[in-house]
Structure formats: C-alpha cells, structure tokens
Amino acid sequence: MKLSPSKINTFLLFKLPSAYFTGVRVKSISETECTTTVKHRWINQNPFKSMFWAVQGMAAELSTGAMVMVAIKESNKNISMLVANNKATFSKKAKGRITFTCNDGQLIKSAIDNTIASGEGQTCWMKSQGKDASGNLVSTFEFEWTVKVK
C-alpha cells in the first residue's frame, strides 16, 4: 500500500494532532519530493500576527519525514527513524499560505540502503524551504534524520 497525501494527513489527525489542528497538510509526495502547506490563522499565530516558528517547523519536518516514511515502507524492512538535530533560518514574517518543499528523497533512500547493507545507523541532513504565495522565501529548515535497522 502506497502512502498518499490523504493517508499521511489522516495519520496526522490521530498521531500528531497539534500539527493537524494548526493546519499542516501534505499536498504532494513522491520518492524524491514532498510538499506541505500551512495557512496563517489565529490558532497558529504568534503575538506579532505572523505564523509561530514551531508551526513552520512542523510543516517543514513533515515535508522531510514523510519521505523518510515512504522510503522505509518501500524498503520492506523494520527501520527506526528519528530527528537528531535541526537548524532553522527565518527570512521574512510568515503570513498567508506557506508552502514547504523538500527535494532530498534520494539522500534518505541512500541512507536507508546503507543502513540495510551495513546494519549500522546512518544519518542524513534534509532541507525544506518555506515560501509564501508570492514565492518569497520565509524560512529554511534542515533536519538530521537518523535511520537504523531494528
């Protein structure tokens, strides 16, 4: 069974309700790219009337983590996944709909192939960029994912 945006969004509702109720959603996913969105609303704003940084982080992490989940599922192995580190840079106030895109699916696939082959844990840095409706860069998040065969 292939993971689709609707299946991942349903997963959010039951396993990550804070992301779901703040409006984080997967819009598209493939082996190499994932796009998530979140709209600035009352529930996810900060006192400065823009989107709270942690909500941006949830959307950005999901754009990377969903591809990790897809790659693990396609490997047919029992593999654990965990974020070990993250970095973030903010360029502009986040208002309106913010779209996060990660194009690092091949990096995590390679890390998963290496952990299967070696039995050793592997790490992989994945980057997600958030842009507003005008295409302006709002924030950039990088997540260091660790994967290991159980």
C-alpha atoms as a PDB file:
ATOM      1  CA  MET A   1       0.000   0.000   0.000  1.00  0.00           C
ATOM      2  CA  LYS A   2       1.453   3.329  -1.095  1.00  0.00           C
ATOM      3  CA  LEU A   3       1.488   6.345   1.226  1.00  0.00           C
ATOM      4  CA  SER A   4      -0.609   9.157  -0.226  1.00  0.00           C
ATOM      5  CA  PRO A   5      -1.195  12.717   0.998  1.00  0.00           C
ATOM      6  CA  SER A   6      -4.648  11.773   2.332  1.00  0.00           C
ATOM      7  CA  LYS A   7      -3.266   8.768   4.272  1.00  0.00           C
ATOM      8  CA  ILE A   8      -0.489  10.882   5.789  1.00  0.00           C
ATOM      9  CA  ASN A   9      -2.950  13.661   6.682  1.00  0.00           C
ATOM     10  CA  THR A  10      -5.204  11.108   8.418  1.00  0.00           C
ATOM     11  CA  PHE A  11      -2.118   9.832  10.279  1.00  0.00           C
ATOM     12  CA  LEU A  12      -1.539  13.444  11.443  1.00  0.00           C
ATOM     13  CA  LEU A  13      -5.045  13.663  12.877  1.00  0.00           C
ATOM     14  CA  PHE A  14      -4.553  10.606  15.075  1.00  0.00           C
ATOM     15  CA  LYS A  15      -0.804  10.613  15.833  1.00  0.00           C
ATOM     16  CA  LEU A  16       0.207  14.310  15.585  1.00  0.00           C
ATOM     17  CA  PRO A  17      -2.963  16.255  16.376  1.00  0.00           C
ATOM     18  CA  SER A  18      -1.110  19.505  17.133  1.00  0.00           C
ATOM     19  CA  ALA A  19       0.162  19.571  13.536  1.00  0.00           C
ATOM     20  CA  TYR A  20      -3.276  18.657  12.164  1.00  0.00           C
ATOM     21  CA  PHE A  21      -5.223  21.240  14.164  1.00  0.00           C
ATOM     22  CA  THR A  22      -2.782  24.038  13.317  1.00  0.00           C
ATOM     23  CA  GLY A  23      -3.429  23.335   9.627  1.00  0.00           C
ATOM     24  CA  VAL A  24      -0.327  21.436   8.488  1.00  0.00           C
ATOM     25  CA  ARG A  25      -1.107  19.245   5.450  1.00  0.00           C
ATOM     26  CA  VAL A  26       0.787  17.182   2.885  1.00  0.00           C
ATOM     27  CA  LYS A  27      -0.116  18.357  -0.622  1.00  0.00           C
ATOM     28  CA  SER A  28       2.062  16.039  -2.725  1.00  0.00           C
ATOM     29  CA  ILE A  29       4.645  13.338  -2.199  1.00  0.00           C
ATOM     30  CA  SER A  30       6.911  11.209  -4.353  1.00  0.00           C
ATOM     31  CA  GLU A  31      10.156   9.309  -3.791  1.00  0.00           C
ATOM     32  CA  THR A  32      12.175  12.481  -4.412  1.00  0.00           C
ATOM     33  CA  GLU A  33       9.993  15.420  -3.348  1.00  0.00           C
ATOM     34  CA  CYS A  34       7.372  16.300  -0.764  1.00  0.00           C
ATOM     35  CA  THR A  35       5.316  19.478  -0.447  1.00  0.00           C
ATOM     36  CA  THR A  36       3.427  20.526   2.664  1.00  0.00           C
ATOM     37  CA  THR A  37       1.391  23.649   3.358  1.00  0.00           C
ATOM     38  CA  VAL A  38       0.111  25.569   6.335  1.00  0.00           C
ATOM     39  CA  LYS A  39      -2.008  28.716   6.368  1.00  0.00           C
ATOM     40  CA  HIS A  40      -1.536  31.534   8.872  1.00  0.00           C
ATOM     41  CA  ARG A  41      -4.600  31.520  11.132  1.00  0.00           C
ATOM     42  CA  TRP A  42      -5.486  32.583  14.652  1.00  0.00           C
ATOM     43  CA  ILE A  43      -4.623  29.147  16.103  1.00  0.00           C
ATOM     44  CA  ASN A  44      -1.043  29.184  14.794  1.00  0.00           C
ATOM     45  CA  GLN A  45      -0.042  32.819  15.119  1.00  0.00           C
ATOM     46  CA  ASN A  46       2.441  34.466  17.437  1.00  0.00           C
ATOM     47  CA  PRO A  47       1.890  37.806  19.268  1.00  0.00           C
ATOM     48  CA  PHE A  48       3.336  39.629  16.224  1.00  0.00           C
ATOM     49  CA  LYS A  49       0.469  38.499  13.967  1.00  0.00           C
ATOM     50  CA  SER A  50       2.554  36.094  11.910  1.00  0.00           C
ATOM     51  CA  MET A  51       2.905  32.310  11.970  1.00  0.00           C
ATOM     52  CA  PHE A  52       4.592  30.857  15.057  1.00  0.00           C
ATOM     53  CA  TRP A  53       8.013  29.402  14.257  1.00  0.00           C
ATOM     54  CA  ALA A  54       7.138  25.989  15.699  1.00  0.00           C
ATOM     55  CA  VAL A  55       4.205  25.592  13.299  1.00  0.00           C
ATOM     56  CA  GLN A  56       6.549  26.325  10.405  1.00  0.00           C
ATOM     57  CA  GLY A  57       8.869  23.713  11.894  1.00  0.00           C
ATOM     58  CA  MET A  58       6.110  21.094  11.977  1.00  0.00           C
ATOM     59  CA  ALA A  59       5.285  21.697   8.305  1.00  0.00           C
ATOM     60  CA  ALA A  60       8.962  21.663   7.333  1.00  0.00           C
ATOM     61  CA  GLU A  61       9.697  18.498   9.325  1.00  0.00           C
ATOM     62  CA  LEU A  62       6.711  16.754   7.763  1.00  0.00           C
ATOM     63  CA  SER A  63       7.995  17.549   4.265  1.00  0.00           C
ATOM     64  CA  THR A  64      11.190  15.658   5.115  1.00  0.00           C
ATOM     65  CA  GLY A  65       9.785  12.995   7.438  1.00  0.00           C
ATOM     66  CA  ALA A  66       7.042  11.879   5.071  1.00  0.00           C
ATOM     67  CA  MET A  67       9.695  10.946   2.519  1.00  0.00           C
ATOM     68  CA  VAL A  68      11.601   9.051   5.219  1.00  0.00           C
ATOM     69  CA  MET A  69       8.395   7.105   5.944  1.00  0.00           C
ATOM     70  CA  VAL A  70       7.884   6.368   2.218  1.00  0.00           C
ATOM     71  CA  ALA A  71      11.478   5.170   1.793  1.00  0.00           C
ATOM     72  CA  ILE A  72      11.223   2.927   4.869  1.00  0.00           C
ATOM     73  CA  LYS A  73       7.922   1.466   3.659  1.00  0.00           C
ATOM     74  CA  GLU A  74       9.379   0.747   0.211  1.00  0.00           C
ATOM     75  CA  SER A  75      12.423  -0.985   1.753  1.00  0.00           C
ATOM     76  CA  ASN A  76      10.177  -3.629   3.371  1.00  0.00           C
ATOM     77  CA  LYS A  77      12.477  -3.604   6.411  1.00  0.00           C
ATOM     78  CA  ASN A  78      11.849  -2.718  10.038  1.00  0.00           C
ATOM     79  CA  ILE A  79      13.760   0.580  10.321  1.00  0.00           C
ATOM     80  CA  SER A  80      13.623   3.196  13.068  1.00  0.00           C
ATOM     81  CA  MET A  81      13.690   6.912  12.261  1.00  0.00           C
ATOM     82  CA  LEU A  82      14.462   9.878  14.499  1.00  0.00           C
ATOM     83  CA  VAL A  83      15.446  13.534  14.157  1.00  0.00           C
ATOM     84  CA  ALA A  84      18.836  14.025  15.827  1.00  0.00           C
ATOM     85  CA  ASN A  85      19.377  17.737  15.055  1.00  0.00           C
ATOM     86  CA  ASN A  86      17.759  20.618  13.280  1.00  0.00           C
ATOM     87  CA  LYS A  87      18.633  24.130  12.126  1.00  0.00           C
ATOM     88  CA  ALA A  88      16.336  26.939  11.055  1.00  0.00           C
ATOM     89  CA  THR A  89      16.715  30.317   9.384  1.00  0.00           C
ATOM     90  CA  PHE A  90      13.905  32.859   9.140  1.00  0.00           C
ATOM     91  CA  SER A  91      13.950  35.444   6.339  1.00  0.00           C
ATOM     92  CA  LYS A  92      10.522  37.074   6.472  1.00  0.00           C
ATOM     93  CA  LYS A  93       7.297  37.121   8.500  1.00  0.00           C
ATOM     94  CA  ALA A  94       5.152  34.129   7.612  1.00  0.00           C
ATOM     95  CA  LYS A  95       1.693  35.309   6.561  1.00  0.00           C
ATOM     96  CA  GLY A  96      -0.874  33.681   4.309  1.00  0.00           C
ATOM     97  CA  ARG A  97      -0.292  30.170   2.979  1.00  0.00           C
ATOM     98  CA  ILE A  98       3.275  28.904   3.358  1.00  0.00           C
ATOM     99  CA  THR A  99       4.441  26.009   1.187  1.00  0.00           C
ATOM    100  CA  PHE A 100       7.375  23.867   2.314  1.00  0.00           C
ATOM    101  CA  THR A 101       9.222  21.776  -0.244  1.00  0.00           C
ATOM    102  CA  CYS A 102      11.930  19.185   0.277  1.00  0.00           C
ATOM    103  CA  ASN A 103      13.732  17.665  -2.721  1.00  0.00           C
ATOM    104  CA  ASP A 104      16.071  15.335  -0.795  1.00  0.00           C
ATOM    105  CA  GLY A 105      14.311  11.997  -1.256  1.00  0.00           C
ATOM    106  CA  GLN A 106      17.351  10.424  -2.913  1.00  0.00           C
ATOM    107  CA  LEU A 107      19.530  11.305   0.097  1.00  0.00           C
ATOM    108  CA  ILE A 108      17.328   9.417   2.554  1.00  0.00           C
ATOM    109  CA  LYS A 109      16.922   6.484   0.165  1.00  0.00           C
ATOM    110  CA  SER A 110      20.711   6.200   0.033  1.00  0.00           C
ATOM    111  CA  ALA A 111      20.955   6.346   3.853  1.00  0.00           C
ATOM    112  CA  ILE A 112      18.327   3.609   4.175  1.00  0.00           C
ATOM    113  CA  ASP A 113      20.112   1.437   1.592  1.00  0.00           C
ATOM    114  CA  ASN A 114      23.360   1.913   3.539  1.00  0.00           C
ATOM    115  CA  THR A 115      21.808   1.006   6.899  1.00  0.00           C
ATOM    116  CA  ILE A 116      20.290  -2.141   5.385  1.00  0.00           C
ATOM    117  CA  ALA A 117      23.608  -3.144   3.814  1.00  0.00           C
ATOM    118  CA  SER A 118      25.797  -2.405   6.844  1.00  0.00           C
ATOM    119  CA  GLY A 119      23.443  -2.857   9.801  1.00  0.00           C
ATOM    120  CA  GLU A 120      24.883   0.400  11.161  1.00  0.00           C
ATOM    121  CA  GLY A 121      22.837   3.523  11.868  1.00  0.00           C
ATOM    122  CA  GLN A 122      23.030   6.234   9.209  1.00  0.00           C
ATOM    123  CA  THR A 123      22.372   9.972   9.256  1.00  0.00           C
ATOM    124  CA  CYS A 124      21.110  12.258   6.544  1.00  0.00           C
ATOM    125  CA  TRP A 125      20.575  16.048   6.505  1.00  0.00           C
ATOM    126  CA  MET A 126      17.419  17.064   4.621  1.00  0.00           C
ATOM    127  CA  LYS A 127      16.436  20.645   3.802  1.00  0.00           C
ATOM    128  CA  SER A 128      12.968  22.158   3.459  1.00  0.00           C
ATOM    129  CA  GLN A 129      12.293  25.685   2.231  1.00  0.00           C
ATOM    130  CA  GLY A 130       9.113  27.582   3.074  1.00  0.00           C
ATOM    131  CA  LYS A 131       7.785  30.127   0.602  1.00  0.00           C
ATOM    132  CA  ASP A 132       4.761  32.408   0.711  1.00  0.00           C
ATOM    133  CA  ALA A 133       2.159  32.768  -2.057  1.00  0.00           C
ATOM    134  CA  SER A 134       4.373  35.317  -3.856  1.00  0.00           C
ATOM    135  CA  GLY A 135       7.288  32.878  -3.915  1.00  0.00           C
ATOM    136  CA  ASN A 136       9.293  34.791  -1.298  1.00  0.00           C
ATOM    137  CA  LEU A 137      11.485  32.643   0.948  1.00  0.00           C
ATOM    138  CA  VAL A 138      10.118  32.791   4.502  1.00  0.00           C
ATOM    139  CA  SER A 139      12.165  30.128   6.278  1.00  0.00           C
ATOM    140  CA  THR A 140      14.602  27.291   5.703  1.00  0.00           C
ATOM    141  CA  PHE A 141      14.759  24.258   7.966  1.00  0.00           C
ATOM    142  CA  GLU A 142      17.327  21.474   7.955  1.00  0.00           C
ATOM    143  CA  PHE A 143      16.759  18.194   9.785  1.00  0.00           C
ATOM    144  CA  GLU A 144      19.329  15.497  10.515  1.00  0.00           C
ATOM    145  CA  TRP A 145      17.442  12.206  10.272  1.00  0.00           C
ATOM    146  CA  THR A 146      18.894   9.026  11.736  1.00  0.00           C
ATOM    147  CA  VAL A 147      17.809   5.630  10.436  1.00  0.00           C
ATOM    148  CA  LYS A 148      18.738   2.187  11.703  1.00  0.00           C
ATOM    149  CA  VAL A 149      17.601  -1.362  11.048  1.00  0.00           C
ATOM    150  CA  LYS A 150      15.853  -2.696  14.147  1.00  0.00           C
END
